N, C-alpha and C. Protein backbone atom coordinates (compact mmCIF):
# COMPACT_ATOMS: atom_id res chain seq x y z
N MET A 1 -77.46 40.63 27.67
CA MET A 1 -76.97 40.41 29.02
C MET A 1 -78.17 40.26 29.95
N PRO A 2 -78.21 39.22 30.80
CA PRO A 2 -79.35 39.01 31.68
C PRO A 2 -79.46 40.11 32.73
N LYS A 3 -80.69 40.37 33.12
CA LYS A 3 -80.97 41.38 34.13
C LYS A 3 -80.59 40.85 35.52
N ARG A 4 -79.96 41.71 36.32
CA ARG A 4 -79.60 41.31 37.69
C ARG A 4 -80.86 41.13 38.51
N LYS A 5 -80.95 40.03 39.23
CA LYS A 5 -82.12 39.75 40.03
C LYS A 5 -82.03 40.36 41.42
N ASN A 6 -80.85 40.67 41.89
CA ASN A 6 -80.67 41.17 43.25
C ASN A 6 -80.64 42.69 43.34
N LYS A 7 -81.03 43.37 42.30
CA LYS A 7 -80.99 44.83 42.29
C LYS A 7 -82.10 45.41 43.16
N LEU A 8 -81.75 46.38 43.99
CA LEU A 8 -82.74 47.03 44.83
C LEU A 8 -83.53 48.04 44.01
N PRO A 9 -84.82 48.20 44.28
CA PRO A 9 -85.60 49.23 43.61
C PRO A 9 -85.03 50.61 43.97
N SER A 10 -85.01 51.51 43.00
CA SER A 10 -84.37 52.80 43.22
C SER A 10 -85.32 53.86 43.79
N TYR A 11 -84.72 54.80 44.47
CA TYR A 11 -85.39 55.99 45.00
C TYR A 11 -85.43 56.98 43.84
N ARG A 12 -86.63 57.40 43.44
CA ARG A 12 -86.76 58.26 42.27
C ARG A 12 -87.67 59.46 42.54
N PHE A 13 -87.57 60.43 41.64
CA PHE A 13 -88.43 61.62 41.69
C PHE A 13 -89.60 61.40 40.74
N HIS A 14 -90.83 61.59 41.23
CA HIS A 14 -92.03 61.49 40.40
C HIS A 14 -92.40 62.90 39.98
N LYS A 15 -92.20 63.22 38.70
CA LYS A 15 -92.41 64.58 38.21
C LYS A 15 -93.83 65.09 38.44
N GLY A 16 -94.81 64.25 38.19
CA GLY A 16 -96.20 64.67 38.28
C GLY A 16 -96.63 65.13 39.65
N SER A 17 -96.08 64.51 40.70
CA SER A 17 -96.51 64.84 42.06
C SER A 17 -95.43 65.53 42.88
N GLY A 18 -94.19 65.50 42.40
CA GLY A 18 -93.09 66.09 43.16
C GLY A 18 -92.67 65.24 44.34
N GLN A 19 -93.12 64.00 44.37
CA GLN A 19 -92.82 63.11 45.50
C GLN A 19 -91.71 62.13 45.15
N ALA A 20 -91.14 61.58 46.20
CA ALA A 20 -90.20 60.47 46.04
C ALA A 20 -91.03 59.21 45.84
N VAL A 21 -90.54 58.32 45.00
CA VAL A 21 -91.28 57.10 44.70
C VAL A 21 -90.31 55.94 44.57
N VAL A 22 -90.77 54.76 44.95
CA VAL A 22 -90.03 53.53 44.75
C VAL A 22 -91.04 52.52 44.20
N THR A 23 -90.61 51.67 43.27
CA THR A 23 -91.52 50.74 42.62
C THR A 23 -91.15 49.30 42.96
N PHE A 24 -92.14 48.55 43.46
CA PHE A 24 -91.98 47.13 43.76
C PHE A 24 -92.95 46.35 42.89
N SER A 25 -92.46 45.44 42.07
CA SER A 25 -93.31 44.57 41.23
C SER A 25 -94.34 45.37 40.47
N GLY A 26 -93.95 46.53 39.94
CA GLY A 26 -94.86 47.34 39.15
C GLY A 26 -95.78 48.24 39.96
N LYS A 27 -95.69 48.20 41.29
CA LYS A 27 -96.54 49.01 42.14
C LYS A 27 -95.72 50.14 42.75
N ASP A 28 -96.16 51.39 42.52
CA ASP A 28 -95.45 52.55 43.06
C ASP A 28 -95.84 52.80 44.51
N ILE A 29 -94.83 53.05 45.33
CA ILE A 29 -95.03 53.45 46.72
C ILE A 29 -94.51 54.88 46.83
N TYR A 30 -95.41 55.83 47.12
CA TYR A 30 -95.03 57.23 47.26
C TYR A 30 -94.56 57.48 48.69
N LEU A 31 -93.43 58.15 48.81
CA LEU A 31 -92.79 58.32 50.10
C LEU A 31 -92.96 59.72 50.68
N GLY A 32 -93.43 60.67 49.91
CA GLY A 32 -93.57 62.05 50.37
C GLY A 32 -92.67 62.97 49.55
N VAL A 33 -92.49 64.18 50.02
CA VAL A 33 -91.71 65.19 49.29
C VAL A 33 -90.30 64.69 49.02
N HIS A 34 -89.91 64.74 47.75
CA HIS A 34 -88.61 64.23 47.31
C HIS A 34 -87.46 65.08 47.85
N GLY A 35 -86.36 64.43 48.16
CA GLY A 35 -85.12 65.11 48.49
C GLY A 35 -84.88 65.41 49.95
N THR A 36 -85.80 65.04 50.82
CA THR A 36 -85.58 65.31 52.25
C THR A 36 -84.97 64.10 52.93
N GLU A 37 -84.33 64.33 54.04
CA GLU A 37 -83.74 63.25 54.81
C GLU A 37 -84.81 62.28 55.32
N GLU A 38 -85.98 62.82 55.67
CA GLU A 38 -87.07 61.97 56.16
C GLU A 38 -87.50 60.98 55.07
N ARG A 39 -87.53 61.43 53.82
CA ARG A 39 -87.94 60.55 52.71
C ARG A 39 -86.87 59.51 52.44
N ARG A 40 -85.60 59.88 52.58
CA ARG A 40 -84.52 58.89 52.42
C ARG A 40 -84.64 57.82 53.51
N ALA A 41 -84.95 58.26 54.73
CA ALA A 41 -85.12 57.32 55.83
C ALA A 41 -86.32 56.42 55.58
N GLU A 42 -87.40 56.99 55.05
CA GLU A 42 -88.60 56.20 54.71
C GLU A 42 -88.27 55.18 53.63
N TYR A 43 -87.49 55.61 52.62
CA TYR A 43 -87.05 54.69 51.56
C TYR A 43 -86.28 53.52 52.15
N LYS A 44 -85.35 53.82 53.05
CA LYS A 44 -84.55 52.76 53.68
C LYS A 44 -85.43 51.81 54.49
N ARG A 45 -86.44 52.37 55.19
CA ARG A 45 -87.36 51.55 55.96
C ARG A 45 -88.16 50.61 55.06
N VAL A 46 -88.68 51.16 53.95
CA VAL A 46 -89.48 50.36 53.02
C VAL A 46 -88.63 49.27 52.37
N ILE A 47 -87.41 49.62 51.98
CA ILE A 47 -86.49 48.63 51.39
C ILE A 47 -86.18 47.53 52.40
N ALA A 48 -85.91 47.91 53.65
CA ALA A 48 -85.61 46.92 54.69
C ALA A 48 -86.79 45.99 54.90
N GLU A 49 -87.99 46.56 54.92
CA GLU A 49 -89.20 45.74 55.08
C GLU A 49 -89.36 44.78 53.90
N TRP A 50 -89.09 45.28 52.71
CA TRP A 50 -89.20 44.47 51.50
C TRP A 50 -88.19 43.33 51.53
N LEU A 51 -86.96 43.62 51.92
CA LEU A 51 -85.94 42.57 52.00
C LEU A 51 -86.26 41.56 53.09
N GLN A 52 -86.76 42.05 54.22
CA GLN A 52 -87.08 41.17 55.34
C GLN A 52 -88.23 40.24 55.00
N SER A 53 -89.16 40.70 54.18
CA SER A 53 -90.33 39.89 53.83
C SER A 53 -90.09 39.08 52.56
N ASN A 54 -88.84 38.76 52.28
CA ASN A 54 -88.47 37.96 51.11
C ASN A 54 -88.91 38.60 49.81
N GLN A 55 -88.79 39.90 49.74
CA GLN A 55 -89.04 40.69 48.54
C GLN A 55 -90.48 40.62 48.06
N ILE A 56 -91.39 40.65 49.00
CA ILE A 56 -92.81 40.78 48.69
C ILE A 56 -93.15 42.25 48.85
N THR A 57 -93.96 42.78 47.97
CA THR A 57 -94.32 44.19 48.02
C THR A 57 -94.82 44.57 49.40
N PRO A 58 -94.26 45.61 50.02
CA PRO A 58 -94.68 45.98 51.37
C PRO A 58 -96.08 46.57 51.39
N ALA A 59 -96.81 46.27 52.45
CA ALA A 59 -98.12 46.86 52.64
C ALA A 59 -97.92 48.19 53.35
N THR A 60 -98.52 49.23 52.85
CA THR A 60 -98.37 50.53 53.50
C THR A 60 -99.72 51.20 53.63
N SER A 61 -99.87 51.96 54.68
CA SER A 61 -101.08 52.75 54.86
C SER A 61 -100.83 54.13 54.26
N ARG A 62 -101.76 55.03 54.41
CA ARG A 62 -101.59 56.37 53.87
C ARG A 62 -100.42 57.09 54.50
N THR A 63 -100.08 56.74 55.72
CA THR A 63 -98.95 57.39 56.39
C THR A 63 -97.63 56.75 56.00
N GLY A 64 -97.67 55.63 55.28
CA GLY A 64 -96.46 54.94 54.91
C GLY A 64 -96.01 53.96 55.97
N LYS A 65 -96.70 53.88 57.08
CA LYS A 65 -96.35 52.97 58.16
C LYS A 65 -97.32 51.79 58.15
N VAL A 66 -96.80 50.61 58.34
CA VAL A 66 -97.63 49.42 58.40
C VAL A 66 -98.14 49.28 59.83
N THR A 67 -99.44 49.17 59.97
CA THR A 67 -100.03 48.98 61.29
C THR A 67 -100.81 47.68 61.29
N GLU A 68 -101.13 47.19 62.46
CA GLU A 68 -101.89 45.95 62.59
C GLU A 68 -103.25 46.08 61.90
N SER A 69 -103.84 47.27 61.96
CA SER A 69 -105.16 47.46 61.36
C SER A 69 -105.12 47.45 59.84
N ASP A 70 -103.92 47.59 59.23
CA ASP A 70 -103.80 47.54 57.78
C ASP A 70 -103.85 46.11 57.25
N CYS A 71 -103.64 45.14 58.13
CA CYS A 71 -103.54 43.74 57.72
C CYS A 71 -104.83 43.00 58.02
N ILE A 72 -105.25 42.18 57.08
CA ILE A 72 -106.39 41.30 57.32
C ILE A 72 -105.96 39.89 56.97
N ASP A 73 -106.63 38.90 57.55
CA ASP A 73 -106.28 37.53 57.21
C ASP A 73 -107.16 37.07 56.04
N ILE A 74 -106.87 35.91 55.53
CA ILE A 74 -107.57 35.42 54.33
C ILE A 74 -109.05 35.19 54.60
N ASN A 75 -109.40 34.78 55.81
CA ASN A 75 -110.82 34.57 56.11
C ASN A 75 -111.60 35.87 56.05
N GLU A 76 -111.03 36.94 56.58
CA GLU A 76 -111.69 38.25 56.51
C GLU A 76 -111.85 38.70 55.07
N LEU A 77 -110.84 38.46 54.26
CA LEU A 77 -110.91 38.81 52.85
C LEU A 77 -112.01 38.02 52.14
N LEU A 78 -112.07 36.73 52.40
CA LEU A 78 -113.09 35.89 51.77
C LEU A 78 -114.50 36.30 52.19
N VAL A 79 -114.69 36.62 53.46
CA VAL A 79 -116.01 37.05 53.94
C VAL A 79 -116.40 38.36 53.27
N ALA A 80 -115.48 39.30 53.19
CA ALA A 80 -115.78 40.59 52.55
C ALA A 80 -116.11 40.40 51.08
N TYR A 81 -115.35 39.54 50.38
CA TYR A 81 -115.64 39.31 48.97
C TYR A 81 -116.97 38.59 48.80
N TRP A 82 -117.28 37.66 49.67
CA TRP A 82 -118.55 36.93 49.58
C TRP A 82 -119.73 37.90 49.75
N GLN A 83 -119.62 38.82 50.69
CA GLN A 83 -120.69 39.80 50.90
C GLN A 83 -120.86 40.68 49.66
N PHE A 84 -119.77 41.06 49.03
CA PHE A 84 -119.84 41.81 47.78
C PHE A 84 -120.49 40.96 46.68
N ALA A 85 -120.02 39.73 46.53
CA ALA A 85 -120.48 38.86 45.45
C ALA A 85 -121.98 38.56 45.55
N GLU A 86 -122.49 38.39 46.77
CA GLU A 86 -123.92 38.11 46.95
C GLU A 86 -124.78 39.25 46.41
N GLN A 87 -124.28 40.45 46.45
CA GLN A 87 -125.05 41.59 45.95
C GLN A 87 -124.78 41.85 44.47
N TYR A 88 -123.56 41.55 44.02
CA TYR A 88 -123.17 41.87 42.65
C TYR A 88 -123.65 40.82 41.63
N TYR A 89 -123.54 39.56 41.98
CA TYR A 89 -123.89 38.49 41.05
C TYR A 89 -125.36 38.08 41.24
N VAL A 90 -126.24 38.94 40.77
CA VAL A 90 -127.67 38.72 40.87
C VAL A 90 -128.28 38.95 39.49
N ILE A 91 -129.14 38.01 39.08
CA ILE A 91 -129.85 38.15 37.80
C ILE A 91 -131.34 38.05 38.09
N ASP A 92 -132.07 39.09 37.76
CA ASP A 92 -133.53 39.16 37.99
C ASP A 92 -133.88 38.86 39.45
N GLY A 93 -133.10 39.38 40.37
CA GLY A 93 -133.38 39.20 41.78
C GLY A 93 -132.94 37.87 42.36
N GLN A 94 -132.37 37.00 41.56
CA GLN A 94 -131.92 35.68 42.02
C GLN A 94 -130.39 35.60 41.93
N PRO A 95 -129.77 34.90 42.89
CA PRO A 95 -128.31 34.73 42.82
C PRO A 95 -127.92 33.99 41.54
N SER A 96 -126.84 34.43 40.91
CA SER A 96 -126.40 33.77 39.68
C SER A 96 -125.53 32.56 40.00
N ARG A 97 -125.25 31.78 38.99
CA ARG A 97 -124.41 30.58 39.11
C ARG A 97 -122.99 30.93 39.52
N GLU A 98 -122.59 32.17 39.29
CA GLU A 98 -121.23 32.59 39.62
C GLU A 98 -120.92 32.43 41.10
N LEU A 99 -121.92 32.54 41.96
CA LEU A 99 -121.69 32.36 43.40
C LEU A 99 -121.22 30.94 43.72
N VAL A 100 -121.75 29.96 42.99
CA VAL A 100 -121.30 28.57 43.19
C VAL A 100 -119.83 28.45 42.79
N ASN A 101 -119.47 29.09 41.67
CA ASN A 101 -118.08 29.06 41.21
C ASN A 101 -117.15 29.71 42.23
N ILE A 102 -117.59 30.84 42.79
CA ILE A 102 -116.78 31.54 43.78
C ILE A 102 -116.60 30.67 45.02
N ARG A 103 -117.66 30.01 45.46
CA ARG A 103 -117.57 29.14 46.64
C ARG A 103 -116.57 28.01 46.39
N HIS A 104 -116.62 27.40 45.19
CA HIS A 104 -115.68 26.32 44.86
C HIS A 104 -114.24 26.83 44.80
N ALA A 105 -114.04 28.04 44.30
CA ALA A 105 -112.69 28.60 44.21
C ALA A 105 -112.16 29.00 45.58
N ALA A 106 -113.04 29.47 46.46
CA ALA A 106 -112.61 29.96 47.77
C ALA A 106 -112.33 28.84 48.76
N LYS A 107 -112.96 27.69 48.57
CA LYS A 107 -112.83 26.60 49.54
C LYS A 107 -111.38 26.16 49.75
N PRO A 108 -110.62 25.83 48.68
CA PRO A 108 -109.24 25.41 48.93
C PRO A 108 -108.38 26.55 49.49
N LEU A 109 -108.69 27.77 49.10
CA LEU A 109 -107.96 28.92 49.62
C LEU A 109 -108.15 29.03 51.13
N ALA A 110 -109.38 28.88 51.57
CA ALA A 110 -109.67 28.95 53.02
C ALA A 110 -109.05 27.77 53.76
N GLU A 111 -109.07 26.59 53.15
CA GLU A 111 -108.50 25.41 53.81
C GLU A 111 -106.98 25.53 53.94
N MET A 112 -106.32 26.08 52.93
CA MET A 112 -104.86 26.15 52.94
C MET A 112 -104.35 27.32 53.76
N TYR A 113 -105.03 28.48 53.68
CA TYR A 113 -104.49 29.69 54.29
C TYR A 113 -105.38 30.32 55.34
N GLY A 114 -106.59 29.83 55.49
CA GLY A 114 -107.58 30.48 56.37
C GLY A 114 -107.35 30.22 57.84
């Protein structure tokens, strides 16, 4: 029998931490102490956000609330990765060929979404 595609992720108890948890696309979102009304409300908020965003995994901060500072645009992401790559992809003090590959891969991404 085929799996239902419209099934909502369930509110569950995580034994290891004692917290309520919900899983989106294989990623666990911890909601806090299991069994409280506040956690049920948090679960409903996260589910509503997930449904509103066309079922894309919700971004959450440590508090479980999405804030403007939690979000970055693609250009900020590319700049941060480029700064990392310039330091990581070095052979004998010289930049490696991998930086050219990264630049070629990032260009269409920046043009389409940047």
